Each structure stands twice: as structure tokens, then as C-alpha cells.
Amino acid sequence: MEYVEFKSENKPRRADLPACPVETCAALIAGKWKLLIMRDLLGGTCRFGALRKSVGGISQKVLTSNLREMEEAGLVVRRVYPEVPPRVEYALTETGETLRPVIDAMGAWGERYQAAAGE
């Protein structure tokens, strides 16, 4: 089925990014929700409602805002299908997929930390 894809083609200028590469990465994935959204998108394409349920505790407005920021940063693509009602899906871009090892490492670290935590 045909769809309209919304993906930022804007490449940031090097001068507009923080000098520190760690700060650049943190700025793109920082916040309470972005990592959780990306965690869920690592499993594949998701519809808005499914993301809202899986992230849990996020409002529609905040989810929309975070997805748009991630779309502008080139991490997420939005696909709108010409149906009634419209079907909208989100997926990671190739750039977004490159964060998989970072998120996987954070998950592994979190598991070790939880295991070492006292009862």
C-alpha cells in the first residue's frame, strides 16, 4: 500500500552541534521519553497508539512532540497511509538504527545494576 513518508532531509551543520561528541549524542536522546520510544522502535515499525501503550505514562501531546523532535533530528521516519481514518506508523531511520548498540549497552548495564541491587 502506498504511503507518504515524512523524514527530515536537513543535515545539521557541524558548527551547530556541541563540541563534545558525548554531549551531541545526549542531546539527541535525552529526556524522559526518547530512549523508551527508541527502545520500542528497535523492535520495528509501530503505530502511534501502540507506542503510547508500550511507553506507558506518556501523554499524546508529549509523545507527538518527542516523535517530531526525533523526526527533525533524522532519527525517526513517519509514514502516513491514505486511509480513513489515517494510519500513521513510525520507524527508525538508518541513523536511528545506529543507536542500537548504545541502547543495547544501556539495557545490559541496567540488568547488571538491577541484579547487583540489594533485596
PDB file of N, CA and C in Angstrom:
ATOM      1  N   MET A   1       0.838  -1.174   0.000  1.00  0.00           N
ATOM      2  CA  MET A   1       0.000   0.000   0.000  1.00  0.00           C
ATOM      3  C   MET A   1       0.887   1.243   0.000  1.00  0.00           C
ATOM      4  N   GLU A   2       0.478   2.230  -0.713  1.00  0.00           N
ATOM      5  CA  GLU A   2       1.227   3.479  -0.809  1.00  0.00           C
ATOM      6  C   GLU A   2       1.085   4.297   0.475  1.00  0.00           C
ATOM      7  N   TYR A   3       2.096   5.066   0.764  1.00  0.00           N
ATOM      8  CA  TYR A   3       2.063   5.963   1.909  1.00  0.00           C
ATOM      9  C   TYR A   3       2.911   7.177   1.606  1.00  0.00           C
ATOM     10  N   VAL A   4       2.708   8.200   2.427  1.00  0.00           N
ATOM     11  CA  VAL A   4       3.529   9.400   2.330  1.00  0.00           C
ATOM     12  C   VAL A   4       4.507   9.341   3.484  1.00  0.00           C
ATOM     13  N   GLU A   5       5.783   9.477   3.162  1.00  0.00           N
ATOM     14  CA  GLU A   5       6.815   9.363   4.188  1.00  0.00           C
ATOM     15  C   GLU A   5       7.340  10.746   4.550  1.00  0.00           C
ATOM     16  N   PHE A   6       7.399  10.991   5.844  1.00  0.00           N
ATOM     17  CA  PHE A   6       7.924  12.257   6.345  1.00  0.00           C
ATOM     18  C   PHE A   6       9.222  11.961   7.083  1.00  0.00           C
ATOM     19  N   LYS A   7      10.300  12.469   6.509  1.00  0.00           N
ATOM     20  CA  LYS A   7      11.622  12.239   7.082  1.00  0.00           C
ATOM     21  C   LYS A   7      12.417  13.507   6.866  1.00  0.00           C
ATOM     22  N   SER A   8      13.099  13.940   7.881  1.00  0.00           N
ATOM     23  CA  SER A   8      13.891  15.157   7.769  1.00  0.00           C
ATOM     24  C   SER A   8      15.083  14.922   6.855  1.00  0.00           C
ATOM     25  N   GLU A   9      15.217  15.776   5.901  1.00  0.00           N
ATOM     26  CA  GLU A   9      16.368  15.723   4.998  1.00  0.00           C
ATOM     27  C   GLU A   9      17.426  16.743   5.419  1.00  0.00           C
ATOM     28  N   ASN A  10      17.117  17.508   6.455  1.00  0.00           N
ATOM     29  CA  ASN A  10      18.038  18.538   6.934  1.00  0.00           C
ATOM     30  C   ASN A  10      19.187  17.891   7.692  1.00  0.00           C
ATOM     31  N   LYS A  11      20.364  18.155   7.250  1.00  0.00           N
ATOM     32  CA  LYS A  11      21.553  17.685   7.958  1.00  0.00           C
ATOM     33  C   LYS A  11      22.030  18.826   8.850  1.00  0.00           C
ATOM     34  N   PRO A  12      22.291  18.532  10.125  1.00  0.00           N
ATOM     35  CA  PRO A  12      22.777  19.602  10.991  1.00  0.00           C
ATOM     36  C   PRO A  12      24.157  20.070  10.547  1.00  0.00           C
ATOM     37  N   ARG A  13      24.386  21.343  10.776  1.00  0.00           N
ATOM     38  CA  ARG A  13      25.722  21.878  10.484  1.00  0.00           C
ATOM     39  C   ARG A  13      26.620  21.561  11.669  1.00  0.00           C
ATOM     40  N   ARG A  14      27.843  21.187  11.371  1.00  0.00           N
ATOM     41  CA  ARG A  14      28.809  20.842  12.426  1.00  0.00           C
ATOM     42  C   ARG A  14      28.937  21.971  13.436  1.00  0.00           C
ATOM     43  N   ALA A  15      28.902  23.209  12.959  1.00  0.00           N
ATOM     44  CA  ALA A  15      29.051  24.367  13.850  1.00  0.00           C
ATOM     45  C   ALA A  15      27.875  24.499  14.816  1.00  0.00           C
ATOM     46  N   ASP A  16      26.726  23.908  14.478  1.00  0.00           N
ATOM     47  CA  ASP A  16      25.548  23.998  15.341  1.00  0.00           C
ATOM     48  C   ASP A  16      25.503  22.897  16.397  1.00  0.00           C
ATOM     49  N   LEU A  17      26.405  21.943  16.310  1.00  0.00           N
ATOM     50  CA  LEU A  17      26.431  20.831  17.260  1.00  0.00           C
ATOM     51  C   LEU A  17      27.396  21.131  18.406  1.00  0.00           C
ATOM     52  N   PRO A  18      27.165  20.513  19.572  1.00  0.00           N
ATOM     53  CA  PRO A  18      28.122  20.685  20.666  1.00  0.00           C
ATOM     54  C   PRO A  18      29.504  20.177  20.266  1.00  0.00           C
ATOM     55  N   ALA A  19      30.520  20.745  20.845  1.00  0.00           N
ATOM     56  CA  ALA A  19      31.895  20.325  20.535  1.00  0.00           C
ATOM     57  C   ALA A  19      32.158  18.900  21.007  1.00  0.00           C
ATOM     58  N   CYS A  20      31.533  18.514  22.103  1.00  0.00           N
ATOM     59  CA  CYS A  20      31.740  17.180  22.686  1.00  0.00           C
ATOM     60  C   CYS A  20      30.807  16.163  22.019  1.00  0.00           C
ATOM     61  N   PRO A  21      31.344  15.072  21.474  1.00  0.00           N
ATOM     62  CA  PRO A  21      30.508  14.055  20.838  1.00  0.00           C
ATOM     63  C   PRO A  21      29.515  13.398  21.804  1.00  0.00           C
ATOM     64  N   VAL A  22      29.912  13.223  23.061  1.00  0.00           N
ATOM     65  CA  VAL A  22      29.002  12.639  24.053  1.00  0.00           C
ATOM     66  C   VAL A  22      27.823  13.575  24.284  1.00  0.00           C
ATOM     67  N   GLU A  23      28.098  14.863  24.338  1.00  0.00           N
ATOM     68  CA  GLU A  23      27.030  15.851  24.511  1.00  0.00           C
ATOM     69  C   GLU A  23      26.095  15.850  23.305  1.00  0.00           C
ATOM     70  N   THR A  24      26.634  15.669  22.111  1.00  0.00           N
ATOM     71  CA  THR A  24      25.810  15.599  20.909  1.00  0.00           C
ATOM     72  C   THR A  24      24.845  14.424  21.000  1.00  0.00           C
ATOM     73  N   CYS A  25      25.360  13.259  21.349  1.00  0.00           N
ATOM     74  CA  CYS A  25      24.520  12.068  21.486  1.00  0.00           C
ATOM     75  C   CYS A  25      23.475  12.270  22.577  1.00  0.00           C
ATOM     76  N   ALA A  26      23.906  12.787  23.719  1.00  0.00           N
ATOM     77  CA  ALA A  26      22.983  13.002  24.837  1.00  0.00           C
ATOM     78  C   ALA A  26      21.872  13.976  24.457  1.00  0.00           C
ATOM     79  N   ALA A  27      22.214  15.006  23.706  1.00  0.00           N
ATOM     80  CA  ALA A  27      21.207  15.987  23.306  1.00  0.00           C
ATOM     81  C   ALA A  27      20.140  15.352  22.415  1.00  0.00           C
ATOM     82  N   LEU A  28      20.519  14.394  21.597  1.00  0.00           N
ATOM     83  CA  LEU A  28      19.572  13.759  20.681  1.00  0.00           C
ATOM     84  C   LEU A  28      18.660  12.749  21.356  1.00  0.00           C
ATOM     85  N   ILE A  29      19.153  12.089  22.396  1.00  0.00           N
ATOM     86  CA  ILE A  29      18.352  11.035  23.026  1.00  0.00           C
ATOM     87  C   ILE A  29      17.962  11.368  24.458  1.00  0.00           C
ATOM     88  N   ALA A  30      18.265  12.580  24.895  1.00  0.00           N
ATOM     89  CA  ALA A  30      17.982  12.968  26.273  1.00  0.00           C
ATOM     90  C   ALA A  30      16.488  13.125  26.504  1.00  0.00           C
ATOM     91  N   GLY A  31      16.139  13.154  27.742  1.00  0.00           N
ATOM     92  CA  GLY A  31      14.753  13.339  28.129  1.00  0.00           C
ATOM     93  C   GLY A  31      14.196  12.054  28.694  1.00  0.00           C
ATOM     94  N   LYS A  32      13.056  12.191  29.284  1.00  0.00           N
ATOM     95  CA  LYS A  32      12.426  11.063  29.956  1.00  0.00           C
ATOM     96  C   LYS A  32      11.927  10.006  28.972  1.00  0.00           C
ATOM     97  N   TRP A  33      11.567  10.403  27.759  1.00  0.00           N
ATOM     98  CA  TRP A  33      10.829   9.515  26.873  1.00  0.00           C
ATOM     99  C   TRP A  33      11.577   9.035  25.635  1.00  0.00           C
ATOM    100  N   LYS A  34      12.521   9.782  25.116  1.00  0.00           N
ATOM    101  CA  LYS A  34      13.108   9.454  23.812  1.00  0.00           C
ATOM    102  C   LYS A  34      13.769   8.081  23.783  1.00  0.00           C
ATOM    103  N   LEU A  35      14.498   7.730  24.814  1.00  0.00           N
ATOM    104  CA  LEU A  35      15.138   6.407  24.834  1.00  0.00           C
ATOM    105  C   LEU A  35      14.097   5.296  24.858  1.00  0.00           C
ATOM    106  N   LEU A  36      13.010   5.519  25.585  1.00  0.00           N
ATOM    107  CA  LEU A  36      11.963   4.491  25.646  1.00  0.00           C
ATOM    108  C   LEU A  36      11.250   4.357  24.301  1.00  0.00           C
ATOM    109  N   ILE A  37      11.042   5.468  23.630  1.00  0.00           N
ATOM    110  CA  ILE A  37      10.445   5.430  22.290  1.00  0.00           C
ATOM    111  C   ILE A  37      11.377   4.675  21.345  1.00  0.00           C
ATOM    112  N   MET A  38      12.662   4.995  21.398  1.00  0.00           N
ATOM    113  CA  MET A  38      13.629   4.324  20.527  1.00  0.00           C
ATOM    114  C   MET A  38      13.721   2.838  20.863  1.00  0.00           C
ATOM    115  N   ARG A  39      13.691   2.502  22.142  1.00  0.00           N
ATOM    116  CA  ARG A  39      13.715   1.091  22.557  1.00  0.00           C
ATOM    117  C   ARG A  39      12.589   0.324  21.863  1.00  0.00           C
ATOM    118  N   ASP A  40      11.404   0.917  21.846  1.00  0.00           N
ATOM    119  CA  ASP A  40      10.269   0.244  21.237  1.00  0.00           C
ATOM    120  C   ASP A  40      10.376   0.200  19.718  1.00  0.00           C
ATOM    121  N   LEU A  41      10.930   1.232  19.114  1.00  0.00           N
ATOM    122  CA  LEU A  41      11.081   1.251  17.657  1.00  0.00           C
ATOM    123  C   LEU A  41      12.198   0.328  17.181  1.00  0.00           C
ATOM    124  N   LEU A  42      13.106  -0.055  18.075  1.00  0.00           N
ATOM    125  CA  LEU A  42      14.141  -1.019  17.695  1.00  0.00           C
ATOM    126  C   LEU A  42      13.523  -2.360  17.324  1.00  0.00           C
ATOM    127  N   GLY A  43      12.318  -2.625  17.838  1.00  0.00           N
ATOM    128  CA  GLY A  43      11.615  -3.858  17.510  1.00  0.00           C
ATOM    129  C   GLY A  43      10.928  -3.812  16.153  1.00  0.00           C
ATOM    130  N   GLY A  44      10.893  -2.644  15.539  1.00  0.00           N
ATOM    131  CA  GLY A  44      10.263  -2.496  14.228  1.00  0.00           C
ATOM    132  C   GLY A  44       9.261  -1.360  14.225  1.00  0.00           C
ATOM    133  N   THR A  45       8.591  -1.221  13.117  1.00  0.00           N
ATOM    134  CA  THR A  45       7.620  -0.156  12.912  1.00  0.00           C
ATOM    135  C   THR A  45       6.488  -0.261  13.928  1.00  0.00           C
ATOM    136  N   CYS A  46       6.065   0.894  14.444  1.00  0.00           N
ATOM    137  CA  CYS A  46       4.963   0.941  15.415  1.00  0.00           C
ATOM    138  C   CYS A  46       3.972   2.029  15.049  1.00  0.00           C
ATOM    139  N   ARG A  47       2.728   1.770  15.343  1.00  0.00           N
ATOM    140  CA  ARG A  47       1.710   2.792  15.196  1.00  0.00           C
ATOM    141  C   ARG A  47       1.707   3.654  16.461  1.00  0.00           C
ATOM    142  N   PHE A  48       1.133   4.840  16.339  1.00  0.00           N
ATOM    143  CA  PHE A  48       1.139   5.805  17.435  1.00  0.00           C
ATOM    144  C   PHE A  48       0.530   5.202  18.708  1.00  0.00           C
ATOM    145  N   GLY A  49      -0.632   4.595  18.580  1.00  0.00           N
ATOM    146  CA  GLY A  49      -1.317   4.027  19.746  1.00  0.00           C
ATOM    147  C   GLY A  49      -0.501   2.947  20.433  1.00  0.00           C
ATOM    148  N   ALA A  50       0.160   2.119  19.636  1.00  0.00           N
ATOM    149  CA  ALA A  50       0.995   1.056  20.209  1.00  0.00           C
ATOM    150  C   ALA A  50       2.181   1.654  20.960  1.00  0.00           C
ATOM    151  N   LEU A  51       2.766   2.703  20.412  1.00  0.00           N
ATOM    152  CA  LEU A  51       3.871   3.375  21.107  1.00  0.00           C
ATOM    153  C   LEU A  51       3.394   3.963  22.426  1.00  0.00           C
ATOM    154  N   ARG A  52       2.242   4.607  22.392  1.00  0.00           N
ATOM    155  CA  ARG A  52       1.716   5.246  23.600  1.00  0.00           C
ATOM    156  C   ARG A  52       1.471   4.209  24.690  1.00  0.00           C
ATOM    157  N   LYS A  53       0.954   3.047  24.318  1.00  0.00           N
ATOM    158  CA  LYS A  53       0.717   1.986  25.305  1.00  0.00           C
ATOM    159  C   LYS A  53       2.024   1.409  25.831  1.00  0.00           C
ATOM    160  N   SER A  54       2.968   1.146  24.933  1.00  0.00           N
ATOM    161  CA  SER A  54       4.208   0.489  25.352  1.00  0.00           C
ATOM    162  C   SER A  54       5.105   1.397  26.170  1.00  0.00           C
ATOM    163  N   VAL A  55       5.102   2.687  25.869  1.00  0.00           N
ATOM    164  CA  VAL A  55       5.921   3.613  26.648  1.00  0.00           C
ATOM    165  C   VAL A  55       5.293   3.798  28.029  1.00  0.00           C
ATOM    166  N   GLY A  56       3.999   3.903  28.090  1.00  0.00           N
ATOM    167  CA  GLY A  56       3.292   3.986  29.373  1.00  0.00           C
ATOM    168  C   GLY A  56       3.532   5.290  30.100  1.00  0.00           C
ATOM    169  N   GLY A  57       2.453   5.939  30.498  1.00  0.00           N
ATOM    170  CA  GLY A  57       2.554   7.163  31.276  1.00  0.00           C
ATOM    171  C   GLY A  57       2.838   8.416  30.466  1.00  0.00           C
ATOM    172  N   ILE A  58       2.924   8.296  29.165  1.00  0.00           N
ATOM    173  CA  ILE A  58       3.214   9.454  28.321  1.00  0.00           C
ATOM    174  C   ILE A  58       1.905   9.976  27.735  1.00  0.00           C
ATOM    175  N   SER A  59       1.755  11.281  27.711  1.00  0.00           N
ATOM    176  CA  SER A  59       0.550  11.865  27.130  1.00  0.00           C
ATOM    177  C   SER A  59       0.667  11.887  25.608  1.00  0.00           C
ATOM    178  N   GLN A  60      -0.462  12.024  24.951  1.00  0.00           N
ATOM    179  CA  GLN A  60      -0.473  12.098  23.484  1.00  0.00           C
ATOM    180  C   GLN A  60       0.340  13.289  22.998  1.00  0.00           C
ATOM    181  N   LYS A  61       0.187  14.413  23.681  1.00  0.00           N
ATOM    182  CA  LYS A  61       0.903  15.637  23.294  1.00  0.00           C
ATOM    183  C   LYS A  61       2.415  15.466  23.416  1.00  0.00           C
ATOM    184  N   VAL A  62       2.855  14.889  24.505  1.00  0.00           N
ATOM    185  CA  VAL A  62       4.292  14.709  24.738  1.00  0.00           C
ATOM    186  C   VAL A  62       4.876  13.681  23.769  1.00  0.00           C
ATOM    187  N   LEU A  63       4.130  12.604  23.507  1.00  0.00           N
ATOM    188  CA  LEU A  63       4.607  11.610  22.547  1.00  0.00           C
ATOM    189  C   LEU A  63       4.741  12.234  21.163  1.00  0.00           C
ATOM    190  N   THR A  64       3.736  12.989  20.756  1.00  0.00           N
ATOM    191  CA  THR A  64       3.790  13.655  19.453  1.00  0.00           C
ATOM    192  C   THR A  64       4.990  14.594  19.376  1.00  0.00           C
ATOM    193  N   SER A  65       5.188  15.374  20.418  1.00  0.00           N
ATOM    194  CA  SER A  65       6.296  16.326  20.450  1.00  0.00           C
ATOM    195  C   SER A  65       7.648  15.614  20.348  1.00  0.00           C
ATOM    196  N   ASN A  66       7.818  14.544  21.113  1.00  0.00           N
ATOM    197  CA  ASN A  66       9.079  13.801  21.075  1.00  0.00           C
ATOM    198  C   ASN A  66       9.302  13.151  19.721  1.00  0.00           C
ATOM    199  N   LEU A  67       8.259  12.586  19.141  1.00  0.00           N
ATOM    200  CA  LEU A  67       8.395  11.967  17.820  1.00  0.00           C
ATOM    201  C   LEU A  67       8.768  12.999  16.766  1.00  0.00           C
ATOM    202  N   ARG A  68       8.172  14.177  16.835  1.00  0.00           N
ATOM    203  CA  ARG A  68       8.501  15.231  15.865  1.00  0.00           C
ATOM    204  C   ARG A  68       9.941  15.699  16.030  1.00  0.00           C
ATOM    205  N   GLU A  69      10.403  15.839  17.272  1.00  0.00           N
ATOM    206  CA  GLU A  69      11.803  16.225  17.512  1.00  0.00           C
ATOM    207  C   GLU A  69      12.748  15.166  16.951  1.00  0.00           C
ATOM    208  N   MET A  70      12.399  13.908  17.160  1.00  0.00           N
ATOM    209  CA  MET A  70      13.238  12.821  16.667  1.00  0.00           C
ATOM    210  C   MET A  70      13.192  12.742  15.142  1.00  0.00           C
ATOM    211  N   GLU A  71      12.053  13.086  14.566  1.00  0.00           N
ATOM    212  CA  GLU A  71      11.924  13.148  13.112  1.00  0.00           C
ATOM    213  C   GLU A  71      12.808  14.264  12.562  1.00  0.00           C
ATOM    214  N   GLU A  72      12.772  15.432  13.199  1.00  0.00           N
ATOM    215  CA  GLU A  72      13.602  16.563  12.772  1.00  0.00           C
ATOM    216  C   GLU A  72      15.087  16.244  12.894  1.00  0.00           C
ATOM    217  N   ALA A  73      15.451  15.458  13.896  1.00  0.00           N
ATOM    218  CA  ALA A  73      16.854  15.091  14.106  1.00  0.00           C
ATOM    219  C   ALA A  73      17.300  13.994  13.145  1.00  0.00           C
ATOM    220  N   GLY A  74      16.356  13.428  12.384  1.00  0.00           N
ATOM    221  CA  GLY A  74      16.711  12.380  11.433  1.00  0.00           C
ATOM    222  C   GLY A  74      16.790  10.994  12.036  1.00  0.00           C
ATOM    223  N   LEU A  75      16.195  10.804  13.216  1.00  0.00           N
ATOM    224  CA  LEU A  75      16.242   9.509  13.889  1.00  0.00           C
ATOM    225  C   LEU A  75      15.010   8.658  13.592  1.00  0.00           C
ATOM    226  N   VAL A  76      13.894   9.320  13.285  1.00  0.00           N
ATOM    227  CA  VAL A  76      12.615   8.630  13.093  1.00  0.00           C
ATOM    228  C   VAL A  76      11.986   9.075  11.783  1.00  0.00           C
ATOM    229  N   VAL A  77      11.296   8.151  11.143  1.00  0.00           N
ATOM    230  CA  VAL A  77      10.518   8.456   9.945  1.00  0.00           C
ATOM    231  C   VAL A  77       9.045   8.212  10.277  1.00  0.00           C
ATOM    232  N   ARG A  78       8.193   9.078   9.741  1.00  0.00           N
ATOM    233  CA  ARG A  78       6.745   8.965   9.939  1.00  0.00           C
ATOM    234  C   ARG A  78       6.118   8.617   8.599  1.00  0.00           C
ATOM    235  N   ARG A  79       5.293   7.581   8.588  1.00  0.00           N
ATOM    236  CA  ARG A  79       4.610   7.159   7.362  1.00  0.00           C
ATOM    237  C   ARG A  79       3.110   7.304   7.562  1.00  0.00           C
ATOM    238  N   VAL A  80       2.487   8.055   6.663  1.00  0.00           N
ATOM    239  CA  VAL A  80       1.051   8.292   6.735  1.00  0.00           C
ATOM    240  C   VAL A  80       0.397   7.608   5.543  1.00  0.00           C
ATOM    241  N   TYR A  81      -0.536   6.704   5.824  1.00  0.00           N
ATOM    242  CA  TYR A  81      -1.247   5.971   4.787  1.00  0.00           C
ATOM    243  C   TYR A  81      -2.560   6.677   4.473  1.00  0.00           C
ATOM    244  N   PRO A  82      -2.907   6.785   3.192  1.00  0.00           N
ATOM    245  CA  PRO A  82      -4.131   7.485   2.794  1.00  0.00           C
ATOM    246  C   PRO A  82      -5.376   6.626   3.023  1.00  0.00           C
ATOM    247  N   GLU A  83      -5.740   6.480   4.270  1.00  0.00           N
ATOM    248  CA  GLU A  83      -6.902   5.692   4.660  1.00  0.00           C
ATOM    249  C   GLU A  83      -7.794   6.563   5.527  1.00  0.00           C
ATOM    250  N   VAL A  84      -8.999   6.108   5.755  1.00  0.00           N
ATOM    251  CA  VAL A  84      -9.902   6.798   6.672  1.00  0.00           C
ATOM    252  C   VAL A  84     -10.273   5.800   7.754  1.00  0.00           C
ATOM    253  N   PRO A  85      -9.935   6.060   9.009  1.00  0.00           N
ATOM    254  CA  PRO A  85      -9.076   7.157   9.469  1.00  0.00           C
ATOM    255  C   PRO A  85      -7.624   6.903   9.051  1.00  0.00           C
ATOM    256  N   PRO A  86      -6.824   7.976   8.989  1.00  0.00           N
ATOM    257  CA  PRO A  86      -5.434   7.823   8.556  1.00  0.00           C
ATOM    258  C   PRO A  86      -4.650   6.892   9.481  1.00  0.00           C
ATOM    259  N   ARG A  87      -3.835   6.067   8.887  1.00  0.00           N
ATOM    260  CA  ARG A  87      -2.950   5.188   9.648  1.00  0.00           C
ATOM    261  C   ARG A  87      -1.573   5.821   9.609  1.00  0.00           C
ATOM    262  N   VAL A  88      -0.977   5.992  10.788  1.00  0.00           N
ATOM    263  CA  VAL A  88       0.352   6.595  10.886  1.00  0.00           C
ATOM    264  C   VAL A  88       1.271   5.603  11.590  1.00  0.00           C
ATOM    265  N   GLU A  89       2.418   5.358  10.983  1.00  0.00           N
ATOM    266  CA  GLU A  89       3.409   4.459  11.550  1.00  0.00           C
ATOM    267  C   GLU A  89       4.734   5.190  11.710  1.00  0.00           C
ATOM    268  N   TYR A  90       5.496   4.756  12.685  1.00  0.00           N
ATOM    269  CA  TYR A  90       6.815   5.330  12.950  1.00  0.00           C
ATOM    270  C   TYR A  90       7.852   4.219  12.912  1.00  0.00           C
ATOM    271  N   ALA A  91       9.022   4.572  12.415  1.00  0.00           N
ATOM    272  CA  ALA A  91      10.141   3.625  12.359  1.00  0.00           C
ATOM    273  C   ALA A  91      11.439   4.405  12.516  1.00  0.00           C
ATOM    274  N   LEU A  92      12.475   3.701  12.907  1.00  0.00           N
ATOM    275  CA  LEU A  92      13.787   4.330  12.990  1.00  0.00           C
ATOM    276  C   LEU A  92      14.362   4.474  11.583  1.00  0.00           C
ATOM    277  N   THR A  93      15.064   5.546  11.367  1.00  0.00           N
ATOM    278  CA  THR A  93      15.804   5.726  10.121  1.00  0.00           C
ATOM    279  C   THR A  93      17.101   4.927  10.228  1.00  0.00           C
ATOM    280  N   GLU A  94      17.884   4.928   9.167  1.00  0.00           N
ATOM    281  CA  GLU A  94      19.194   4.275   9.232  1.00  0.00           C
ATOM    282  C   GLU A  94      20.040   4.905  10.328  1.00  0.00           C
ATOM    283  N   THR A  95      19.963   6.219  10.458  1.00  0.00           N
ATOM    284  CA  THR A  95      20.717   6.907  11.514  1.00  0.00           C
ATOM    285  C   THR A  95      20.205   6.485  12.889  1.00  0.00           C
ATOM    286  N   GLY A  96      18.898   6.405  13.043  1.00  0.00           N
ATOM    287  CA  GLY A  96      18.322   5.959  14.312  1.00  0.00           C
ATOM    288  C   GLY A  96      18.760   4.551  14.668  1.00  0.00           C
ATOM    289  N   GLU A  97      18.820   3.680  13.666  1.00  0.00           N
ATOM    290  CA  GLU A  97      19.256   2.294  13.886  1.00  0.00           C
ATOM    291  C   GLU A  97      20.690   2.218  14.397  1.00  0.00           C
ATOM    292  N   THR A  98      21.519   3.198  14.047  1.00  0.00           N
ATOM    293  CA  THR A  98      22.917   3.157  14.500  1.00  0.00           C
ATOM    294  C   THR A  98      23.029   3.349  16.012  1.00  0.00           C
ATOM    295  N   LEU A  99      21.943   3.761  16.662  1.00  0.00           N
ATOM    296  CA  LEU A  99      21.954   3.889  18.122  1.00  0.00           C
ATOM    297  C   LEU A  99      21.645   2.562  18.824  1.00  0.00           C
ATOM    298  N   ARG A 100      21.361   1.522  18.060  1.00  0.00           N
ATOM    299  CA  ARG A 100      21.042   0.210  18.651  1.00  0.00           C
ATOM    300  C   ARG A 100      22.115  -0.260  19.636  1.00  0.00           C
ATOM    301  N   PRO A 101      23.409  -0.239  19.277  1.00  0.00           N
ATOM    302  CA  PRO A 101      24.415  -0.711  20.241  1.00  0.00           C
ATOM    303  C   PRO A 101      24.443   0.122  21.520  1.00  0.00           C
ATOM    304  N   VAL A 102      24.175   1.396  21.407  1.00  0.00           N
ATOM    305  CA  VAL A 102      24.158   2.278  22.583  1.00  0.00           C
ATOM    306  C   VAL A 102      23.011   1.870  23.507  1.00  0.00           C
ATOM    307  N   ILE A 103      21.830   1.686  22.941  1.00  0.00           N
ATOM    308  CA  ILE A 103      20.658   1.330  23.738  1.00  0.00           C
ATOM    309  C   ILE A 103      20.788  -0.088  24.283  1.00  0.00           C
ATOM    310  N   ASP A 104      21.330  -1.006  23.484  1.00  0.00           N
ATOM    311  CA  ASP A 104      21.577  -2.367  23.965  1.00  0.00           C
ATOM    312  C   ASP A 104      22.557  -2.366  25.134  1.00  0.00           C
ATOM    313  N   ALA A 105      23.613  -1.555  25.036  1.00  0.00           N
ATOM    314  CA  ALA A 105      24.595  -1.460  26.124  1.00  0.00           C
ATOM    315  C   ALA A 105      23.950  -0.890  27.380  1.00  0.00           C
ATOM    316  N   MET A 106      23.077   0.089  27.212  1.00  0.00           N
ATOM    317  CA  MET A 106      22.382   0.654  28.372  1.00  0.00           C
ATOM    318  C   MET A 106      21.475  -0.390  29.013  1.00  0.00           C
ATOM    319  N   GLY A 107      20.808  -1.207  28.188  1.00  0.00           N
ATOM    320  CA  GLY A 107      19.960  -2.275  28.721  1.00  0.00           C
ATOM    321  C   GLY A 107      20.766  -3.303  29.494  1.00  0.00           C
ATOM    322  N   ALA A 108      21.906  -3.701  28.933  1.00  0.00           N
ATOM    323  CA  ALA A 108      22.763  -4.688  29.607  1.00  0.00           C
ATOM    324  C   ALA A 108      23.297  -4.127  30.918  1.00  0.00           C
ATOM    325  N   TRP A 109      23.688  -2.859  30.918  1.00  0.00           N
ATOM    326  CA  TRP A 109      24.172  -2.241  32.140  1.00  0.00           C
ATOM    327  C   TRP A 109      23.056  -2.199  33.181  1.00  0.00           C
ATOM    328  N   GLY A 110      21.846  -1.831  32.741  1.00  0.00           N
ATOM    329  CA  GLY A 110      20.706  -1.775  33.657  1.00  0.00           C
ATOM    330  C   GLY A 110      20.399  -3.131  34.270  1.00  0.00           C
ATOM    331  N   GLU A 111      20.507  -4.187  33.482  1.00  0.00           N
ATOM    332  CA  GLU A 111      20.285  -5.542  34.001  1.00  0.00           C
ATOM    333  C   GLU A 111      21.315  -5.894  35.069  1.00  0.00           C
ATOM    334  N   ARG A 112      22.588  -5.575  34.797  1.00  0.00           N
ATOM    335  CA  ARG A 112      23.640  -5.854  35.792  1.00  0.00           C
ATOM    336  C   ARG A 112      23.412  -5.057  37.061  1.00  0.00           C
ATOM    337  N   TYR A 113      23.017  -3.816  36.923  1.00  0.00           N
ATOM    338  CA  TYR A 113      22.769  -2.959  38.083  1.00  0.00           C
ATOM    339  C   TYR A 113      21.600  -3.509  38.897  1.00  0.00           C
ATOM    340  N   GLN A 114      20.529  -3.902  38.203  1.00  0.00           N
ATOM    341  CA  GLN A 114      19.374  -4.455  38.907  1.00  0.00           C
ATOM    342  C   GLN A 114      19.744  -5.742  39.640  1.00  0.00           C
ATOM    343  N   ALA A 115      20.558  -6.592  39.004  1.00  0.00           N
ATOM    344  CA  ALA A 115      20.968  -7.856  39.608  1.00  0.00           C
ATOM    345  C   ALA A 115      21.830  -7.622  40.856  1.00  0.00           C
ATOM    346  N   ALA A 116      22.636  -6.560  40.820  1.00  0.00           N
ATOM    347  CA  ALA A 116      23.525  -6.274  41.946  1.00  0.00           C
ATOM    348  C   ALA A 116      22.809  -5.525  43.065  1.00  0.00           C
ATOM    349  N   ALA A 117      21.618  -5.013  42.781  1.00  0.00           N
ATOM    350  CA  ALA A 117      20.870  -4.240  43.794  1.00  0.00           C
ATOM    351  C   ALA A 117      20.446  -5.160  44.936  1.00  0.00           C
ATOM    352  N   GLY A 118      20.455  -4.596  46.104  1.00  0.00           N
ATOM    353  CA  GLY A 118      20.046  -5.355  47.277  1.00  0.00           C
ATOM    354  C   GLY A 118      18.555  -5.638  47.261  1.00  0.00           C
ATOM    355  N   GLU A 119      18.189  -6.670  47.959  1.00  0.00           N
ATOM    356  CA  GLU A 119      16.773  -7.056  48.055  1.00  0.00           C
ATOM    357  C   GLU A 119      16.006  -6.050  48.842  1.00  0.00           C
TER     358      GLU A 119
END
